[in-house]
C-alpha cells in the first residue's frame, strides 16, 4: 500500500489519494456519511466504530472541516453512483412478487 502522510496526526492518503484513518481502511468520507445520516457525535461514532479512538475521530473531523467542499462532493458522487447502480440493477424479483400479492405497495 502506498500511503501518503498528511499534516493530520491520524490521517493518510491511500493509494487512490483518498483520505483515510491511520491503522484502518476506513475513509473519512465513510465516517462523515455516518455523521450526516445519523447525526452522531464523536462519542457515538466511537461507540459504533470501536476500532477507532477519539483522537482518530477528532483528527478525521478536523480534516473534514478543512476539506469540506471536496469531501461533500465525494459523498454526492458516491450517492449518484449508488442510485445509478440501483436503477441499472432493476427491481428484485421478490419485490415484484410481494407487490403482485399486494403485500407491499
PDB file of N, CA and C in Angstrom:
ATOM      1  N   UNK A   1       0.838  -1.175   0.000  1.00  0.00           N
ATOM      2  CA  UNK A   1       0.000   0.000   0.000  1.00  0.00           C
ATOM      3  C   UNK A   1       0.882   1.237   0.000  1.00  0.00           C
ATOM      4  N   UNK A   2       0.661   2.103  -0.937  1.00  0.00           N
ATOM      5  CA  UNK A   2       1.365   3.371  -0.990  1.00  0.00           C
ATOM      6  C   UNK A   2       0.525   4.416  -0.290  1.00  0.00           C
ATOM      7  N   UNK A   3       0.963   4.824   0.894  1.00  0.00           N
ATOM      8  CA  UNK A   3       0.229   5.815   1.667  1.00  0.00           C
ATOM      9  C   UNK A   3       1.050   7.085   1.762  1.00  0.00           C
ATOM     10  N   UNK A   4       0.344   8.192   1.795  1.00  0.00           N
ATOM     11  CA  UNK A   4       0.989   9.488   1.943  1.00  0.00           C
ATOM     12  C   UNK A   4       0.523  10.103   3.244  1.00  0.00           C
ATOM     13  N   UNK A   5       1.466  10.506   4.072  1.00  0.00           N
ATOM     14  CA  UNK A   5       1.127  11.152   5.333  1.00  0.00           C
ATOM     15  C   UNK A   5       0.532  12.527   5.054  1.00  0.00           C
ATOM     16  N   UNK A   6      -0.279  12.994   5.980  1.00  0.00           N
ATOM     17  CA  UNK A   6      -0.830  14.339   5.906  1.00  0.00           C
ATOM     18  C   UNK A   6      -0.378  15.094   7.147  1.00  0.00           C
ATOM     19  N   UNK A   7      -0.741  16.351   7.243  1.00  0.00           N
ATOM     20  CA  UNK A   7      -0.394  17.125   8.430  1.00  0.00           C
ATOM     21  C   UNK A   7      -1.279  16.765   9.624  1.00  0.00           C
ATOM     22  N   UNK A   8      -2.270  15.923   9.395  1.00  0.00           N
ATOM     23  CA  UNK A   8      -3.159  15.475  10.461  1.00  0.00           C
ATOM     24  C   UNK A   8      -2.606  14.175  11.030  1.00  0.00           C
ATOM     25  N   UNK A   9      -2.452  14.143  12.347  1.00  0.00           N
ATOM     26  CA  UNK A   9      -1.752  13.036  13.006  1.00  0.00           C
ATOM     27  C   UNK A   9      -2.251  11.655  12.596  1.00  0.00           C
ATOM     28  N   UNK A  10      -3.532  11.457  12.498  1.00  0.00           N
ATOM     29  CA  UNK A  10      -4.077  10.116  12.263  1.00  0.00           C
ATOM     30  C   UNK A  10      -4.675   9.933  10.865  1.00  0.00           C
ATOM     31  N   UNK A  11      -4.333  10.805   9.952  1.00  0.00           N
ATOM     32  CA  UNK A  11      -4.930  10.762   8.620  1.00  0.00           C
ATOM     33  C   UNK A  11      -3.851  10.568   7.568  1.00  0.00           C
ATOM     34  N   UNK A  12      -4.118   9.689   6.613  1.00  0.00           N
ATOM     35  CA  UNK A  12      -3.210   9.477   5.489  1.00  0.00           C
ATOM     36  C   UNK A  12      -4.015   9.454   4.204  1.00  0.00           C
ATOM     37  N   UNK A  13      -3.351   9.625   3.095  1.00  0.00           N
ATOM     38  CA  UNK A  13      -3.984   9.485   1.787  1.00  0.00           C
ATOM     39  C   UNK A  13      -3.629   8.106   1.263  1.00  0.00           C
ATOM     40  N   UNK A  14      -4.636   7.315   0.912  1.00  0.00           N
ATOM     41  CA  UNK A  14      -4.368   5.964   0.422  1.00  0.00           C
ATOM     42  C   UNK A  14      -3.847   5.995  -1.017  1.00  0.00           C
ATOM     43  N   UNK A  15      -3.673   4.826  -1.600  1.00  0.00           N
ATOM     44  CA  UNK A  15      -3.096   4.735  -2.943  1.00  0.00           C
ATOM     45  C   UNK A  15      -3.946   5.421  -4.005  1.00  0.00           C
ATOM     46  N   UNK A  16      -5.238   5.630  -3.706  1.00  0.00           N
ATOM     47  CA  UNK A  16      -6.128   6.345  -4.622  1.00  0.00           C
ATOM     48  C   UNK A  16      -6.236   7.820  -4.265  1.00  0.00           C
ATOM     49  N   UNK A  17      -5.382   8.260  -3.340  1.00  0.00           N
ATOM     50  CA  UNK A  17      -5.339   9.652  -2.892  1.00  0.00           C
ATOM     51  C   UNK A  17      -6.600  10.051  -2.126  1.00  0.00           C
ATOM     52  N   UNK A  18      -7.217   9.073  -1.464  1.00  0.00           N
ATOM     53  CA  UNK A  18      -8.423   9.304  -0.674  1.00  0.00           C
ATOM     54  C   UNK A  18      -8.025   9.326   0.804  1.00  0.00           C
ATOM     55  N   UNK A  19      -8.449  10.348   1.549  1.00  0.00           N
ATOM     56  CA  UNK A  19      -8.080  10.425   2.961  1.00  0.00           C
ATOM     57  C   UNK A  19      -8.725   9.313   3.784  1.00  0.00           C
ATOM     58  N   UNK A  20      -7.913   8.671   4.596  1.00  0.00           N
ATOM     59  CA  UNK A  20      -8.372   7.559   5.429  1.00  0.00           C
ATOM     60  C   UNK A  20      -7.781   7.697   6.827  1.00  0.00           C
ATOM     61  N   UNK A  21      -8.310   6.916   7.741  1.00  0.00           N
ATOM     62  CA  UNK A  21      -7.881   6.967   9.137  1.00  0.00           C
ATOM     63  C   UNK A  21      -6.784   5.942   9.360  1.00  0.00           C
ATOM     64  N   UNK A  22      -5.672   6.399   9.917  1.00  0.00           N
ATOM     65  CA  UNK A  22      -4.495   5.556  10.139  1.00  0.00           C
ATOM     66  C   UNK A  22      -4.853   4.311  10.948  1.00  0.00           C
ATOM     67  N   UNK A  23      -4.242   3.200  10.563  1.00  0.00           N
ATOM     68  CA  UNK A  23      -4.453   1.935  11.257  1.00  0.00           C
ATOM     69  C   UNK A  23      -5.745   1.250  10.870  1.00  0.00           C
ATOM     70  N   UNK A  24      -6.460   1.834   9.910  1.00  0.00           N
ATOM     71  CA  UNK A  24      -7.729   1.265   9.458  1.00  0.00           C
ATOM     72  C   UNK A  24      -7.800   1.408   7.937  1.00  0.00           C
ATOM     73  N   UNK A  25      -8.832   0.833   7.374  1.00  0.00           N
ATOM     74  CA  UNK A  25      -9.099   1.067   5.954  1.00  0.00           C
ATOM     75  C   UNK A  25     -10.268   2.047   5.802  1.00  0.00           C
ATOM     76  N   UNK A  26     -10.726   2.608   6.924  1.00  0.00           N
ATOM     77  CA  UNK A  26     -11.885   3.495   6.897  1.00  0.00           C
ATOM     78  C   UNK A  26     -11.525   4.853   6.309  1.00  0.00           C
ATOM     79  N   UNK A  27     -12.313   5.243   5.325  1.00  0.00           N
ATOM     80  CA  UNK A  27     -12.116   6.539   4.676  1.00  0.00           C
ATOM     81  C   UNK A  27     -12.893   7.610   5.441  1.00  0.00           C
ATOM     82  N   UNK A  28     -12.388   8.832   5.399  1.00  0.00           N
ATOM     83  CA  UNK A  28     -13.073   9.924   6.083  1.00  0.00           C
ATOM     84  C   UNK A  28     -14.476  10.113   5.512  1.00  0.00           C
ATOM     85  N   UNK A  29     -14.618   9.920   4.218  1.00  0.00           N
ATOM     86  CA  UNK A  29     -15.939  10.066   3.600  1.00  0.00           C
ATOM     87  C   UNK A  29     -16.924   9.073   4.217  1.00  0.00           C
ATOM     88  N   UNK A  30     -16.498   7.889   4.582  1.00  0.00           N
ATOM     89  CA  UNK A  30     -17.375   6.898   5.211  1.00  0.00           C
ATOM     90  C   UNK A  30     -17.788   7.346   6.611  1.00  0.00           C
ATOM     91  N   UNK A  31     -16.836   7.876   7.356  1.00  0.00           N
ATOM     92  CA  UNK A  31     -17.142   8.373   8.700  1.00  0.00           C
ATOM     93  C   UNK A  31     -18.133   9.525   8.615  1.00  0.00           C
ATOM     94  N   UNK A  32     -17.915  10.438   7.671  1.00  0.00           N
ATOM     95  CA  UNK A  32     -18.786  11.599   7.544  1.00  0.00           C
ATOM     96  C   UNK A  32     -20.178  11.218   7.042  1.00  0.00           C
ATOM     97  N   UNK A  33     -20.279  10.153   6.297  1.00  0.00           N
ATOM     98  CA  UNK A  33     -21.594   9.677   5.870  1.00  0.00           C
ATOM     99  C   UNK A  33     -22.410   9.287   7.097  1.00  0.00           C
ATOM    100  N   UNK A  34     -21.777   8.665   8.077  1.00  0.00           N
ATOM    101  CA  UNK A  34     -22.463   8.309   9.320  1.00  0.00           C
ATOM    102  C   UNK A  34     -22.873   9.557  10.094  1.00  0.00           C
ATOM    103  N   UNK A  35     -22.005  10.543  10.125  1.00  0.00           N
ATOM    104  CA  UNK A  35     -22.330  11.792  10.824  1.00  0.00           C
ATOM    105  C   UNK A  35     -23.543  12.445  10.159  1.00  0.00           C
ATOM    106  N   UNK A  36     -23.524  12.517   8.837  1.00  0.00           N
ATOM    107  CA  UNK A  36     -24.610  13.168   8.107  1.00  0.00           C
ATOM    108  C   UNK A  36     -25.908  12.360   8.180  1.00  0.00           C
ATOM    109  N   UNK A  37     -25.824  11.054   8.113  1.00  0.00           N
ATOM    110  CA  UNK A  37     -27.019  10.211   8.115  1.00  0.00           C
ATOM    111  C   UNK A  37     -27.665  10.126   9.500  1.00  0.00           C
ATOM    112  N   UNK A  38     -26.852  10.005  10.535  1.00  0.00           N
ATOM    113  CA  UNK A  38     -27.384   9.747  11.868  1.00  0.00           C
ATOM    114  C   UNK A  38     -27.183  10.900  12.854  1.00  0.00           C
ATOM    115  N   UNK A  39     -26.377  11.876  12.478  1.00  0.00           N
ATOM    116  CA  UNK A  39     -26.109  12.991  13.384  1.00  0.00           C
ATOM    117  C   UNK A  39     -25.274  12.595  14.588  1.00  0.00           C
ATOM    118  N   UNK A  40     -24.466  11.551  14.416  1.00  0.00           N
ATOM    119  CA  UNK A  40     -23.684  11.042  15.543  1.00  0.00           C
ATOM    120  C   UNK A  40     -22.632  12.034  16.014  1.00  0.00           C
ATOM    121  N   UNK A  41     -22.474  12.108  17.320  1.00  0.00           N
ATOM    122  CA  UNK A  41     -21.421  12.884  17.957  1.00  0.00           C
ATOM    123  C   UNK A  41     -20.125  12.066  17.903  1.00  0.00           C
ATOM    124  N   UNK A  42     -18.990  12.668  18.237  1.00  0.00           N
ATOM    125  CA  UNK A  42     -17.753  11.874  18.279  1.00  0.00           C
ATOM    126  C   UNK A  42     -17.858  10.658  19.206  1.00  0.00           C
ATOM    127  N   UNK A  43     -18.521  10.835  20.333  1.00  0.00           N
ATOM    128  CA  UNK A  43     -18.665   9.723  21.270  1.00  0.00           C
ATOM    129  C   UNK A  43     -19.535   8.604  20.676  1.00  0.00           C
ATOM    130  N   UNK A  44     -20.583   8.992  19.941  1.00  0.00           N
ATOM    131  CA  UNK A  44     -21.431   7.992  19.299  1.00  0.00           C
ATOM    132  C   UNK A  44     -20.697   7.314  18.146  1.00  0.00           C
ATOM    133  N   UNK A  45     -19.855   8.056  17.454  1.00  0.00           N
ATOM    134  CA  UNK A  45     -19.022   7.436  16.417  1.00  0.00           C
ATOM    135  C   UNK A  45     -18.125   6.373  17.040  1.00  0.00           C
ATOM    136  N   UNK A  46     -17.523   6.698  18.175  1.00  0.00           N
ATOM    137  CA  UNK A  46     -16.657   5.742  18.871  1.00  0.00           C
ATOM    138  C   UNK A  46     -17.441   4.507  19.294  1.00  0.00           C
ATOM    139  N   UNK A  47     -18.652   4.714  19.774  1.00  0.00           N
ATOM    140  CA  UNK A  47     -19.490   3.591  20.192  1.00  0.00           C
ATOM    141  C   UNK A  47     -19.814   2.669  19.009  1.00  0.00           C
ATOM    142  N   UNK A  48     -20.035   3.258  17.848  1.00  0.00           N
ATOM    143  CA  UNK A  48     -20.399   2.489  16.662  1.00  0.00           C
ATOM    144  C   UNK A  48     -19.201   1.984  15.871  1.00  0.00           C
ATOM    145  N   UNK A  49     -18.052   2.602  16.070  1.00  0.00           N
ATOM    146  CA  UNK A  49     -16.811   2.178  15.408  1.00  0.00           C
ATOM    147  C   UNK A  49     -15.734   1.985  16.472  1.00  0.00           C
ATOM    148  N   UNK A  50     -15.862   0.933  17.273  1.00  0.00           N
ATOM    149  CA  UNK A  50     -14.938   0.750  18.405  1.00  0.00           C
ATOM    150  C   UNK A  50     -13.490   0.506  18.000  1.00  0.00           C
ATOM    151  N   UNK A  51     -13.238   0.248  16.720  1.00  0.00           N
ATOM    152  CA  UNK A  51     -11.857   0.079  16.275  1.00  0.00           C
ATOM    153  C   UNK A  51     -11.142   1.425  16.152  1.00  0.00           C
ATOM    154  N   UNK A  52     -11.888   2.533  16.263  1.00  0.00           N
ATOM    155  CA  UNK A  52     -11.287   3.866  16.232  1.00  0.00           C
ATOM    156  C   UNK A  52     -11.021   4.346  17.651  1.00  0.00           C
ATOM    157  N   UNK A  53     -10.326   5.454  17.762  1.00  0.00           N
ATOM    158  CA  UNK A  53     -10.133   6.133  19.047  1.00  0.00           C
ATOM    159  C   UNK A  53     -10.711   7.537  18.901  1.00  0.00           C
ATOM    160  N   UNK A  54     -10.977   8.182  20.023  1.00  0.00           N
ATOM    161  CA  UNK A  54     -11.495   9.543  19.951  1.00  0.00           C
ATOM    162  C   UNK A  54     -10.510  10.475  19.257  1.00  0.00           C
ATOM    163  N   UNK A  55      -9.223  10.268  19.502  1.00  0.00           N
ATOM    164  CA  UNK A  55      -8.245  11.139  18.845  1.00  0.00           C
ATOM    165  C   UNK A  55      -8.272  10.955  17.334  1.00  0.00           C
ATOM    166  N   UNK A  56      -8.464   9.729  16.859  1.00  0.00           N
ATOM    167  CA  UNK A  56      -8.570   9.489  15.416  1.00  0.00           C
ATOM    168  C   UNK A  56      -9.851  10.108  14.859  1.00  0.00           C
ATOM    169  N   UNK A  57     -10.932  10.005  15.615  1.00  0.00           N
ATOM    170  CA  UNK A  57     -12.199  10.583  15.180  1.00  0.00           C
ATOM    171  C   UNK A  57     -12.090  12.097  15.085  1.00  0.00           C
ATOM    172  N   UNK A  58     -11.529  12.727  16.104  1.00  0.00           N
ATOM    173  CA  UNK A  58     -11.386  14.181  16.075  1.00  0.00           C
ATOM    174  C   UNK A  58     -10.444  14.633  14.967  1.00  0.00           C
ATOM    175  N   UNK A  59      -9.412  13.867  14.713  1.00  0.00           N
ATOM    176  CA  UNK A  59      -8.499  14.193  13.614  1.00  0.00           C
ATOM    177  C   UNK A  59      -9.228  14.104  12.279  1.00  0.00           C
ATOM    178  N   UNK A  60     -10.071  13.069  12.120  1.00  0.00           N
ATOM    179  CA  UNK A  60     -10.854  12.917  10.892  1.00  0.00           C
ATOM    180  C   UNK A  60     -11.852  14.054  10.739  1.00  0.00           C
ATOM    181  N   UNK A  61     -12.484  14.461  11.843  1.00  0.00           N
ATOM    182  CA  UNK A  61     -13.422  15.577  11.788  1.00  0.00           C
ATOM    183  C   UNK A  61     -12.715  16.873  11.421  1.00  0.00           C
ATOM    184  N   UNK A  62     -11.532  17.090  11.974  1.00  0.00           N
ATOM    185  CA  UNK A  62     -10.766  18.295  11.631  1.00  0.00           C
ATOM    186  C   UNK A  62     -10.402  18.285  10.153  1.00  0.00           C
ATOM    187  N   UNK A  63      -9.972  17.128   9.649  1.00  0.00           N
ATOM    188  CA  UNK A  63      -9.639  17.021   8.226  1.00  0.00           C
ATOM    189  C   UNK A  63     -10.876  17.339   7.383  1.00  0.00           C
ATOM    190  N   UNK A  64     -12.012  16.793   7.783  1.00  0.00           N
ATOM    191  CA  UNK A  64     -13.246  17.048   7.036  1.00  0.00           C
ATOM    192  C   UNK A  64     -13.537  18.547   6.968  1.00  0.00           C
ATOM    193  N   UNK A  65     -13.532  19.223   8.115  1.00  0.00           N
ATOM    194  CA  UNK A  65     -13.889  20.638   8.122  1.00  0.00           C
ATOM    195  C   UNK A  65     -12.904  21.479   7.337  1.00  0.00           C
ATOM    196  N   UNK A  66     -11.661  21.065   7.282  1.00  0.00           N
ATOM    197  CA  UNK A  66     -10.667  21.796   6.487  1.00  0.00           C
ATOM    198  C   UNK A  66     -10.762  21.473   5.001  1.00  0.00           C
ATOM    199  N   UNK A  67     -11.481  20.396   4.653  1.00  0.00           N
ATOM    200  CA  UNK A  67     -11.617  19.954   3.259  1.00  0.00           C
ATOM    201  C   UNK A  67     -13.069  19.637   2.930  1.00  0.00           C
ATOM    202  N   UNK A  68     -13.977  20.371   3.537  1.00  0.00           N
ATOM    203  CA  UNK A  68     -15.412  20.090   3.473  1.00  0.00           C
ATOM    204  C   UNK A  68     -15.946  20.017   2.042  1.00  0.00           C
ATOM    205  N   UNK A  69     -15.636  20.984   1.222  1.00  0.00           N
ATOM    206  CA  UNK A  69     -16.189  21.007  -0.141  1.00  0.00           C
ATOM    207  C   UNK A  69     -15.788  19.769  -0.931  1.00  0.00           C
ATOM    208  N   UNK A  70     -14.527  19.397  -0.824  1.00  0.00           N
ATOM    209  CA  UNK A  70     -14.021  18.227  -1.552  1.00  0.00           C
ATOM    210  C   UNK A  70     -14.690  16.938  -1.072  1.00  0.00           C
ATOM    211  N   UNK A  71     -14.817  16.775   0.238  1.00  0.00           N
ATOM    212  CA  UNK A  71     -15.398  15.545   0.783  1.00  0.00           C
ATOM    213  C   UNK A  71     -16.902  15.501   0.536  1.00  0.00           C
ATOM    214  N   UNK A  72     -17.573  16.641   0.673  1.00  0.00           N
ATOM    215  CA  UNK A  72     -19.005  16.670   0.364  1.00  0.00           C
ATOM    216  C   UNK A  72     -19.256  16.327  -1.099  1.00  0.00           C
ATOM    217  N   UNK A  73     -18.394  16.797  -1.997  1.00  0.00           N
ATOM    218  CA  UNK A  73     -18.533  16.457  -3.419  1.00  0.00           C
ATOM    219  C   UNK A  73     -18.343  14.953  -3.622  1.00  0.00           C
ATOM    220  N   UNK A  74     -17.422  14.342  -2.876  1.00  0.00           N
ATOM    221  CA  UNK A  74     -17.203  12.897  -2.971  1.00  0.00           C
ATOM    222  C   UNK A  74     -18.434  12.143  -2.474  1.00  0.00           C
ATOM    223  N   UNK A  75     -19.050  12.627  -1.389  1.00  0.00           N
ATOM    224  CA  UNK A  75     -20.266  11.992  -0.870  1.00  0.00           C
ATOM    225  C   UNK A  75     -21.370  12.065  -1.918  1.00  0.00           C
ATOM    226  N   UNK A  76     -21.542  13.211  -2.539  1.00  0.00           N
ATOM    227  CA  UNK A  76     -22.569  13.373  -3.579  1.00  0.00           C
ATOM    228  C   UNK A  76     -22.289  12.458  -4.778  1.00  0.00           C
ATOM    229  N   UNK A  77     -21.027  12.355  -5.176  1.00  0.00           N
ATOM    230  CA  UNK A  77     -20.654  11.485  -6.296  1.00  0.00           C
ATOM    231  C   UNK A  77     -20.990  10.035  -5.969  1.00  0.00           C
ATOM    232  N   UNK A  78     -20.676   9.599  -4.757  1.00  0.00           N
ATOM    233  CA  UNK A  78     -20.957   8.227  -4.340  1.00  0.00           C
ATOM    234  C   UNK A  78     -22.464   7.966  -4.304  1.00  0.00           C
ATOM    235  N   UNK A  79     -23.227   8.940  -3.820  1.00  0.00           N
ATOM    236  CA  UNK A  79     -24.685   8.791  -3.798  1.00  0.00           C
ATOM    237  C   UNK A  79     -25.238   8.630  -5.212  1.00  0.00           C
ATOM    238  N   UNK A  80     -24.738   9.433  -6.151  1.00  0.00           N
ATOM    239  CA  UNK A  80     -25.183   9.325  -7.545  1.00  0.00           C
ATOM    240  C   UNK A  80     -24.859   7.947  -8.115  1.00  0.00           C
ATOM    241  N   UNK A  81     -23.649   7.455  -7.836  1.00  0.00           N
ATOM    242  CA  UNK A  81     -23.243   6.130  -8.329  1.00  0.00           C
ATOM    243  C   UNK A  81     -24.169   5.034  -7.800  1.00  0.00           C
ATOM    244  N   UNK A  82     -24.504   5.112  -6.524  1.00  0.00           N
ATOM    245  CA  UNK A  82     -25.393   4.105  -5.925  1.00  0.00           C
ATOM    246  C   UNK A  82     -26.757   4.147  -6.597  1.00  0.00           C
ATOM    247  N   UNK A  83     -27.298   5.345  -6.801  1.00  0.00           N
ATOM    248  CA  UNK A  83     -28.603   5.476  -7.463  1.00  0.00           C
ATOM    249  C   UNK A  83     -28.559   4.911  -8.877  1.00  0.00           C
ATOM    250  N   UNK A  84     -27.486   5.198  -9.602  1.00  0.00           N
ATOM    251  CA  UNK A  84     -27.343   4.684 -10.967  1.00  0.00           C
ATOM    252  C   UNK A  84     -27.249   3.162 -10.974  1.00  0.00           C
ATOM    253  N   UNK A  85     -26.491   2.602 -10.040  1.00  0.00           N
ATOM    254  CA  UNK A  85     -26.365   1.148  -9.955  1.00  0.00           C
ATOM    255  C   UNK A  85     -27.704   0.494  -9.608  1.00  0.00           C
ATOM    256  N   UNK A  86     -28.448   1.114  -8.696  1.00  0.00           N
ATOM    257  CA  UNK A  86     -29.763   0.572  -8.332  1.00  0.00           C
ATOM    258  C   UNK A  86     -30.704   0.587  -9.522  1.00  0.00           C
ATOM    259  N   UNK A  87     -30.684   1.685 -10.281  1.00  0.00           N
ATOM    260  CA  UNK A  87     -31.533   1.775 -11.463  1.00  0.00           C
ATOM    261  C   UNK A  87     -31.134   0.731 -12.495  1.00  0.00           C
ATOM    262  N   UNK A  88     -29.839   0.562 -12.691  1.00  0.00           N
ATOM    263  CA  UNK A  88     -29.349  -0.399 -13.681  1.00  0.00           C
ATOM    264  C   UNK A  88     -29.697  -1.834 -13.281  1.00  0.00           C
ATOM    265  N   UNK A  89     -29.675  -2.112 -11.977  1.00  0.00           N
ATOM    266  CA  UNK A  89     -29.962  -3.461 -11.497  1.00  0.00           C
ATOM    267  C   UNK A  89     -31.446  -3.791 -11.583  1.00  0.00           C
ATOM    268  N   UNK A  90     -32.274  -2.767 -11.523  1.00  0.00           N
ATOM    269  CA  UNK A  90     -33.711  -3.007 -11.574  1.00  0.00           C
ATOM    270  C   UNK A  90     -34.238  -3.540 -10.259  1.00  0.00           C
ATOM    271  N   UNK A  91     -35.522  -3.778 -10.259  1.00  0.00           N
ATOM    272  CA  UNK A  91     -36.175  -4.247  -9.048  1.00  0.00           C
ATOM    273  C   UNK A  91     -35.939  -5.742  -8.847  1.00  0.00           C
ATOM    274  N   UNK A  92     -35.727  -6.117  -7.628  1.00  0.00           N
ATOM    275  CA  UNK A  92     -35.519  -7.527  -7.285  1.00  0.00           C
ATOM    276  C   UNK A  92     -36.828  -8.293  -7.529  1.00  0.00           C
ATOM    277  N   UNK A  93     -36.744  -9.495  -8.089  1.00  0.00           N
ATOM    278  CA  UNK A  93     -37.960 -10.278  -8.380  1.00  0.00           C
ATOM    279  C   UNK A  93     -38.843 -10.523  -7.150  1.00  0.00           C
ATOM    280  N   UNK A  94     -38.252 -10.634  -5.990  1.00  0.00           N
ATOM    281  CA  UNK A  94     -39.036 -10.846  -4.774  1.00  0.00           C
ATOM    282  C   UNK A  94     -39.949  -9.650  -4.505  1.00  0.00           C
ATOM    283  N   UNK A  95     -39.451  -8.453  -4.747  1.00  0.00           N
ATOM    284  CA  UNK A  95     -40.259  -7.248  -4.537  1.00  0.00           C
ATOM    285  C   UNK A  95     -41.484  -7.289  -5.445  1.00  0.00           C
ATOM    286  N   UNK A  96     -41.296  -7.656  -6.691  1.00  0.00           N
ATOM    287  CA  UNK A  96     -42.427  -7.727  -7.628  1.00  0.00           C
ATOM    288  C   UNK A  96     -43.446  -8.770  -7.178  1.00  0.00           C
ATOM    289  N   UNK A  97     -42.974  -9.912  -6.694  1.00  0.00           N
ATOM    290  CA  UNK A  97     -43.889 -10.949  -6.212  1.00  0.00           C
ATOM    291  C   UNK A  97     -44.707 -10.438  -5.026  1.00  0.00           C
ATOM    292  N   UNK A  98     -44.056  -9.716  -4.124  1.00  0.00           N
ATOM    293  CA  UNK A  98     -44.766  -9.171  -2.973  1.00  0.00           C
ATOM    294  C   UNK A  98     -45.798  -8.133  -3.411  1.00  0.00           C
ATOM    295  N   UNK A  99     -45.448  -7.330  -4.413  1.00  0.00           N
ATOM    296  CA  UNK A  99     -46.401  -6.352  -4.955  1.00  0.00           C
ATOM    297  C   UNK A  99     -47.586  -7.054  -5.628  1.00  0.00           C
ATOM    298  N   UNK A 100     -47.287  -8.087  -6.401  1.00  0.00           N
ATOM    299  CA  UNK A 100     -48.350  -8.829  -7.072  1.00  0.00           C
ATOM    300  C   UNK A 100     -49.340  -9.413  -6.079  1.00  0.00           C
ATOM    301  N   UNK A 101     -48.848  -9.812  -4.929  1.00  0.00           N
ATOM    302  CA  UNK A 101     -49.710 -10.383  -3.882  1.00  0.00           C
ATOM    303  C   UNK A 101     -50.291  -9.310  -2.973  1.00  0.00           C
ATOM    304  N   UNK A 102     -50.005  -8.041  -3.321  1.00  0.00           N
ATOM    305  CA  UNK A 102     -50.487  -6.888  -2.577  1.00  0.00           C
ATOM    306  C   UNK A 102     -50.028  -6.914  -1.109  1.00  0.00           C
ATOM    307  N   UNK A 103     -48.839  -7.458  -0.896  1.00  0.00           N
ATOM    308  CA  UNK A 103     -48.264  -7.478   0.451  1.00  0.00           C
ATOM    309  C   UNK A 103     -47.454  -6.201   0.734  1.00  0.00           C
ATOM    310  N   UNK A 104     -47.035  -5.539  -0.341  1.00  0.00           N
ATOM    311  CA  UNK A 104     -46.370  -4.245  -0.230  1.00  0.00           C
ATOM    312  C   UNK A 104     -46.874  -3.357  -1.369  1.00  0.00           C
ATOM    313  N   UNK A 105     -46.633  -2.065  -1.234  1.00  0.00           N
ATOM    314  CA  UNK A 105     -47.060  -1.132  -2.298  1.00  0.00           C
ATOM    315  C   UNK A 105     -45.919  -0.831  -3.228  1.00  0.00           C
TER     316      UNK A 105
END
